[in-house]
Every structure is written in C-alpha cells, then in structure tokens.
C-alpha cells in the first residue's frame, strides 16, 4: 500500500534528510544536513480533473528528524503514507501494461456493501 500511495503522486516525500523547522497547513520547511532550507508547498482544497477535492495535510511536527524519502505529507485517501480505502483487507495489485491512468484495482461488490 505504501508503493501504491507513493506512485500515485498524492503524498510528498522528503528530498533530503534533516530537521523540520516549520509546519503549517500550507507549507513545511526542512533544514537539511548541509544547512539548506527545503520548502514544500501543500495543495489545499484544489479541484482535481475528476471534480473531486485534493487536500494535503502534514504528518510531521516541528523538531522532528526526517530521512530522505520519508513521507511528510498525506494526500486524499492516504493515511501515514499508505493507501487507506476504509477497510483492512488483503489485496493483490498488478498494473496492466504499465502504471498509468487506465489502471484499476478490482474489488468484490460484496466487500463494498
């Protein structure tokens, strides 16, 4: 579920290791080990092409030490950097001829009800 969330592009990963200097609803600032500040802007209530709402939220706090590649921002339908679709189920995931907009995850209709 982590890989699916990461590949979807809705979560934000730290570009460098460092310490979180500032966290707000619309941005995160991380001071890297080489003393440079890296600024991450969050999407707040933006419209997607499908007419849904995209809202990102920080999952780190000020003073926290982060590693390169660590998830620092959750997006829609993710929780702590993993896909969260509402049920704790075991699934099989396979892309069909590449990972693109035409791919899908099939689930049982009985599971949804």
N, C-alpha and C. Protein backbone atom coordinates (compact mmCIF):
# COMPACT_ATOMS: atom_id res chain seq x y z
N UNK A 1 0.81 -1.19 0.00
CA UNK A 1 0.00 0.00 0.00
C UNK A 1 0.86 1.26 0.00
N UNK A 2 2.07 1.17 0.56
CA UNK A 2 2.98 2.32 0.55
C UNK A 2 3.39 2.64 -0.88
N UNK A 3 3.76 1.62 -1.66
CA UNK A 3 4.21 1.84 -3.03
C UNK A 3 3.09 2.44 -3.88
N UNK A 4 1.87 1.96 -3.71
CA UNK A 4 0.74 2.50 -4.47
C UNK A 4 0.52 3.97 -4.12
N UNK A 5 0.63 4.33 -2.84
CA UNK A 5 0.46 5.73 -2.43
C UNK A 5 1.58 6.59 -2.99
N UNK A 6 2.80 6.10 -2.91
CA UNK A 6 3.96 6.85 -3.41
C UNK A 6 3.87 7.07 -4.92
N UNK A 7 3.52 6.01 -5.65
CA UNK A 7 3.43 6.10 -7.11
C UNK A 7 2.25 6.95 -7.57
N UNK A 8 1.23 7.11 -6.74
CA UNK A 8 0.07 7.91 -7.13
C UNK A 8 0.39 9.40 -7.19
N UNK A 9 1.42 9.84 -6.48
CA UNK A 9 1.82 11.24 -6.51
C UNK A 9 1.07 12.14 -5.55
N UNK A 10 0.19 11.59 -4.71
CA UNK A 10 -0.57 12.44 -3.79
C UNK A 10 0.16 12.69 -2.48
N UNK A 11 1.17 11.86 -2.16
CA UNK A 11 1.96 12.09 -0.95
C UNK A 11 3.24 12.83 -1.33
N UNK A 12 3.83 13.52 -0.36
CA UNK A 12 5.09 14.24 -0.59
C UNK A 12 6.17 13.57 0.23
N UNK A 13 7.32 13.32 -0.41
CA UNK A 13 8.45 12.69 0.25
C UNK A 13 9.55 13.72 0.48
N UNK A 14 10.29 13.58 1.57
CA UNK A 14 11.41 14.48 1.87
C UNK A 14 12.51 14.27 0.83
N UNK A 15 13.00 15.38 0.27
CA UNK A 15 14.07 15.30 -0.74
C UNK A 15 15.42 15.05 -0.10
N UNK A 16 15.59 15.51 1.14
CA UNK A 16 16.85 15.36 1.87
C UNK A 16 16.55 15.03 3.33
N UNK A 17 17.51 14.44 4.01
CA UNK A 17 17.40 14.23 5.45
C UNK A 17 17.59 15.56 6.16
N UNK A 18 16.96 15.72 7.31
CA UNK A 18 17.13 16.95 8.07
C UNK A 18 16.15 17.07 9.21
N UNK A 19 16.00 18.30 9.72
CA UNK A 19 15.12 18.59 10.85
C UNK A 19 14.00 19.50 10.37
N UNK A 20 12.77 19.19 10.78
CA UNK A 20 11.61 20.00 10.41
C UNK A 20 11.68 21.30 11.20
N UNK A 21 11.77 22.43 10.48
CA UNK A 21 11.85 23.74 11.14
C UNK A 21 10.49 24.37 11.34
N UNK A 22 9.60 24.23 10.33
CA UNK A 22 8.29 24.88 10.42
C UNK A 22 7.25 23.99 9.74
N UNK A 23 6.09 23.90 10.38
CA UNK A 23 4.96 23.17 9.81
C UNK A 23 3.73 24.05 9.91
N UNK A 24 3.07 24.26 8.78
CA UNK A 24 1.78 24.96 8.78
C UNK A 24 0.85 24.20 7.84
N UNK A 25 -0.37 24.68 7.72
CA UNK A 25 -1.35 23.98 6.87
C UNK A 25 -0.96 24.01 5.40
N UNK A 26 -0.18 25.02 4.98
CA UNK A 26 0.12 25.13 3.56
C UNK A 26 1.59 24.96 3.18
N UNK A 27 2.48 24.77 4.16
CA UNK A 27 3.88 24.52 3.81
C UNK A 27 4.65 23.86 4.95
N UNK A 28 5.73 23.19 4.56
CA UNK A 28 6.66 22.58 5.51
C UNK A 28 8.06 23.04 5.12
N UNK A 29 8.87 23.42 6.11
CA UNK A 29 10.26 23.79 5.85
C UNK A 29 11.16 22.82 6.61
N UNK A 30 12.08 22.20 5.87
CA UNK A 30 13.02 21.25 6.46
C UNK A 30 14.44 21.76 6.23
N UNK A 31 15.22 21.86 7.31
CA UNK A 31 16.63 22.24 7.19
C UNK A 31 17.43 20.95 7.04
N UNK A 32 18.10 20.83 5.89
CA UNK A 32 18.85 19.60 5.60
C UNK A 32 20.17 19.59 6.35
N UNK A 33 20.85 18.46 6.28
CA UNK A 33 22.12 18.29 6.99
C UNK A 33 23.19 19.25 6.50
N UNK A 34 23.07 19.74 5.25
CA UNK A 34 24.04 20.71 4.73
C UNK A 34 23.61 22.15 4.99
N UNK A 35 22.66 22.36 5.93
CA UNK A 35 22.21 23.67 6.39
C UNK A 35 21.41 24.46 5.35
N UNK A 36 20.77 23.79 4.41
CA UNK A 36 19.90 24.45 3.43
C UNK A 36 18.45 24.17 3.79
N UNK A 37 17.59 25.18 3.59
CA UNK A 37 16.16 25.01 3.84
C UNK A 37 15.47 24.51 2.58
N UNK A 38 14.64 23.49 2.75
CA UNK A 38 13.83 22.94 1.66
C UNK A 38 12.37 23.21 2.00
N UNK A 39 11.67 23.88 1.07
CA UNK A 39 10.29 24.30 1.29
C UNK A 39 9.36 23.40 0.47
N UNK A 40 8.34 22.88 1.12
CA UNK A 40 7.36 22.02 0.47
C UNK A 40 5.99 22.69 0.58
N UNK A 41 5.40 23.03 -0.55
CA UNK A 41 4.07 23.66 -0.57
C UNK A 41 3.01 22.57 -0.65
N UNK A 42 1.96 22.70 0.15
CA UNK A 42 0.87 21.73 0.18
C UNK A 42 -0.31 22.24 -0.63
N UNK A 43 -1.01 21.33 -1.28
CA UNK A 43 -2.23 21.67 -2.01
C UNK A 43 -3.38 21.73 -1.02
N UNK A 44 -4.09 22.83 -0.99
CA UNK A 44 -5.21 22.99 -0.06
C UNK A 44 -6.51 23.18 -0.83
N UNK A 45 -7.37 22.20 -0.77
CA UNK A 45 -8.72 22.24 -1.33
C UNK A 45 -8.72 22.65 -2.80
N UNK A 46 -7.89 21.97 -3.58
CA UNK A 46 -7.83 22.21 -5.02
C UNK A 46 -8.74 21.23 -5.74
N UNK A 47 -9.26 21.65 -6.88
CA UNK A 47 -10.14 20.80 -7.68
C UNK A 47 -9.30 19.90 -8.57
N UNK A 48 -9.66 18.62 -8.60
CA UNK A 48 -8.98 17.68 -9.50
C UNK A 48 -9.69 17.67 -10.85
N UNK A 49 -9.09 17.02 -11.82
CA UNK A 49 -9.72 16.90 -13.14
C UNK A 49 -11.00 16.08 -13.09
N UNK A 50 -11.16 15.26 -12.07
CA UNK A 50 -12.37 14.45 -11.93
C UNK A 50 -13.44 15.16 -11.11
N UNK A 51 -13.19 16.40 -10.70
CA UNK A 51 -14.16 17.17 -9.95
C UNK A 51 -14.16 16.85 -8.46
N UNK A 52 -13.12 16.19 -7.97
CA UNK A 52 -13.02 15.91 -6.54
C UNK A 52 -12.08 16.91 -5.88
N UNK A 53 -12.03 16.88 -4.57
CA UNK A 53 -11.21 17.83 -3.81
C UNK A 53 -9.87 17.21 -3.45
N UNK A 54 -8.78 17.92 -3.72
CA UNK A 54 -7.45 17.48 -3.32
C UNK A 54 -7.00 18.35 -2.15
N UNK A 55 -6.75 17.70 -1.02
CA UNK A 55 -6.28 18.41 0.16
C UNK A 55 -5.14 17.61 0.78
N UNK A 56 -3.98 18.23 0.91
CA UNK A 56 -2.83 17.57 1.52
C UNK A 56 -2.67 18.08 2.95
N UNK A 57 -2.20 17.20 3.85
CA UNK A 57 -2.00 17.58 5.25
C UNK A 57 -0.67 17.06 5.75
N UNK A 58 0.03 17.87 6.54
CA UNK A 58 1.34 17.45 7.05
C UNK A 58 1.20 16.32 8.07
N UNK A 59 2.18 15.40 8.06
CA UNK A 59 2.18 14.32 9.06
C UNK A 59 3.47 14.33 9.87
N UNK A 60 4.20 15.44 9.82
CA UNK A 60 5.39 15.61 10.65
C UNK A 60 5.17 16.80 11.57
N UNK A 61 5.98 16.93 12.60
CA UNK A 61 5.87 18.07 13.50
C UNK A 61 7.21 18.76 13.64
N UNK A 62 7.16 20.00 14.10
CA UNK A 62 8.39 20.80 14.24
C UNK A 62 9.37 20.10 15.17
N UNK A 63 10.65 20.12 14.77
CA UNK A 63 11.69 19.50 15.57
C UNK A 63 11.92 18.03 15.23
N UNK A 64 11.04 17.44 14.46
CA UNK A 64 11.18 16.03 14.09
C UNK A 64 12.32 15.84 13.10
N UNK A 65 13.05 14.76 13.25
CA UNK A 65 14.13 14.43 12.30
C UNK A 65 13.54 13.52 11.23
N UNK A 66 13.74 13.90 9.96
CA UNK A 66 13.22 13.11 8.85
C UNK A 66 14.37 12.58 8.00
N UNK A 67 14.13 11.46 7.37
CA UNK A 67 15.11 10.84 6.48
C UNK A 67 14.72 11.13 5.04
N UNK A 68 15.69 11.09 4.14
CA UNK A 68 15.43 11.26 2.72
C UNK A 68 14.47 10.17 2.26
N UNK A 69 13.41 10.57 1.55
CA UNK A 69 12.42 9.62 1.05
C UNK A 69 11.28 9.33 2.01
N UNK A 70 11.32 9.90 3.22
CA UNK A 70 10.25 9.68 4.20
C UNK A 70 9.02 10.47 3.79
N UNK A 71 7.84 9.91 4.00
CA UNK A 71 6.59 10.61 3.71
C UNK A 71 6.39 11.71 4.75
N UNK A 72 6.20 12.95 4.27
CA UNK A 72 5.99 14.07 5.19
C UNK A 72 4.60 14.70 5.02
N UNK A 73 3.92 14.36 3.92
CA UNK A 73 2.60 14.94 3.65
C UNK A 73 1.67 13.83 3.16
N UNK A 74 0.48 13.74 3.76
CA UNK A 74 -0.56 12.82 3.29
C UNK A 74 -1.46 13.54 2.31
N UNK A 75 -1.99 12.79 1.38
CA UNK A 75 -2.93 13.32 0.40
C UNK A 75 -4.30 12.69 0.59
N UNK A 76 -5.19 12.90 -0.39
CA UNK A 76 -6.51 12.28 -0.30
C UNK A 76 -6.38 10.76 -0.36
N UNK A 77 -7.13 10.06 0.44
CA UNK A 77 -7.18 8.59 0.52
C UNK A 77 -5.87 7.96 0.97
N UNK A 78 -5.04 8.70 1.71
CA UNK A 78 -3.84 8.11 2.30
C UNK A 78 -3.82 8.40 3.80
N UNK A 79 -3.16 7.51 4.54
CA UNK A 79 -3.01 7.68 5.98
C UNK A 79 -1.60 7.24 6.35
N UNK A 80 -0.81 8.16 6.89
CA UNK A 80 0.59 7.90 7.24
C UNK A 80 1.37 7.34 6.05
N UNK A 81 1.08 7.87 4.86
CA UNK A 81 1.84 7.50 3.67
C UNK A 81 1.42 6.22 3.00
N UNK A 82 0.31 5.62 3.43
CA UNK A 82 -0.20 4.40 2.81
C UNK A 82 -1.63 4.62 2.35
N UNK A 83 -2.01 3.89 1.29
CA UNK A 83 -3.38 3.97 0.79
C UNK A 83 -4.33 3.53 1.90
N UNK A 84 -5.39 4.30 2.14
CA UNK A 84 -6.39 3.99 3.16
C UNK A 84 -7.77 4.11 2.53
N UNK A 85 -8.32 2.98 2.14
CA UNK A 85 -9.60 2.99 1.43
C UNK A 85 -10.78 2.62 2.31
N UNK A 86 -10.57 2.46 3.62
CA UNK A 86 -11.69 2.26 4.52
C UNK A 86 -11.85 0.86 5.07
N UNK A 87 -11.21 -0.12 4.49
CA UNK A 87 -11.29 -1.49 5.00
C UNK A 87 -9.88 -2.05 5.10
N UNK A 88 -9.65 -2.87 6.09
CA UNK A 88 -8.36 -3.53 6.24
C UNK A 88 -8.46 -4.89 5.57
N UNK A 89 -8.06 -4.95 4.30
CA UNK A 89 -8.19 -6.18 3.52
C UNK A 89 -6.86 -6.53 2.87
N UNK A 90 -6.73 -7.78 2.53
CA UNK A 90 -5.57 -8.24 1.80
C UNK A 90 -5.92 -8.19 0.31
N UNK A 91 -5.11 -7.48 -0.47
CA UNK A 91 -5.41 -7.34 -1.90
C UNK A 91 -4.21 -7.78 -2.72
N UNK A 92 -4.50 -8.07 -3.97
CA UNK A 92 -3.45 -8.29 -4.95
C UNK A 92 -3.46 -7.10 -5.89
N UNK A 93 -2.33 -6.52 -6.17
CA UNK A 93 -2.25 -5.33 -7.03
C UNK A 93 -1.29 -5.61 -8.17
N UNK A 94 -1.75 -5.38 -9.39
CA UNK A 94 -0.90 -5.60 -10.55
C UNK A 94 -1.25 -4.57 -11.62
N UNK A 95 -0.26 -3.90 -12.14
CA UNK A 95 -0.54 -2.94 -13.21
C UNK A 95 -0.66 -3.69 -14.53
N UNK A 96 -1.39 -3.11 -15.45
CA UNK A 96 -1.65 -3.72 -16.75
C UNK A 96 -0.96 -2.90 -17.82
N UNK A 97 0.10 -3.42 -18.41
CA UNK A 97 0.87 -2.73 -19.45
C UNK A 97 1.33 -1.35 -18.99
N UNK A 98 1.94 -1.28 -17.84
CA UNK A 98 2.45 -0.01 -17.33
C UNK A 98 1.54 0.57 -16.27
N UNK A 99 2.05 1.50 -15.52
CA UNK A 99 1.29 2.13 -14.43
C UNK A 99 0.80 3.48 -14.95
N UNK A 100 -0.46 3.57 -15.36
CA UNK A 100 -0.96 4.81 -15.93
C UNK A 100 -2.42 5.04 -15.53
N UNK A 101 -3.05 6.02 -16.12
CA UNK A 101 -4.40 6.41 -15.74
C UNK A 101 -5.46 5.36 -16.08
N UNK A 102 -5.14 4.40 -16.93
CA UNK A 102 -6.11 3.38 -17.31
C UNK A 102 -6.08 2.17 -16.37
N UNK A 103 -5.16 2.14 -15.41
CA UNK A 103 -5.08 1.02 -14.48
C UNK A 103 -6.21 1.12 -13.45
N UNK A 104 -6.49 0.02 -12.82
CA UNK A 104 -7.57 -0.02 -11.84
C UNK A 104 -7.28 -1.09 -10.80
N UNK A 105 -7.99 -1.00 -9.69
CA UNK A 105 -7.97 -2.05 -8.68
C UNK A 105 -9.38 -2.63 -8.64
N UNK A 106 -9.50 -3.93 -8.83
CA UNK A 106 -10.80 -4.58 -8.82
C UNK A 106 -11.06 -5.15 -7.44
N UNK A 107 -12.28 -4.89 -6.92
CA UNK A 107 -12.67 -5.45 -5.63
C UNK A 107 -14.06 -6.03 -5.76
N UNK A 108 -14.42 -6.87 -4.83
CA UNK A 108 -15.72 -7.52 -4.83
C UNK A 108 -16.81 -6.52 -4.44
N UNK A 109 -17.96 -6.61 -5.13
CA UNK A 109 -19.08 -5.74 -4.78
C UNK A 109 -19.59 -6.07 -3.38
N UNK A 110 -19.48 -7.33 -2.98
CA UNK A 110 -19.91 -7.75 -1.65
C UNK A 110 -19.07 -7.06 -0.57
N UNK A 111 -17.81 -6.84 -0.84
CA UNK A 111 -16.92 -6.17 0.11
C UNK A 111 -17.35 -4.72 0.34
N UNK A 112 -17.82 -4.06 -0.69
CA UNK A 112 -18.21 -2.65 -0.60
C UNK A 112 -19.46 -2.48 0.26
N UNK A 113 -20.35 -3.46 0.23
CA UNK A 113 -21.63 -3.34 0.97
C UNK A 113 -21.50 -3.61 2.42
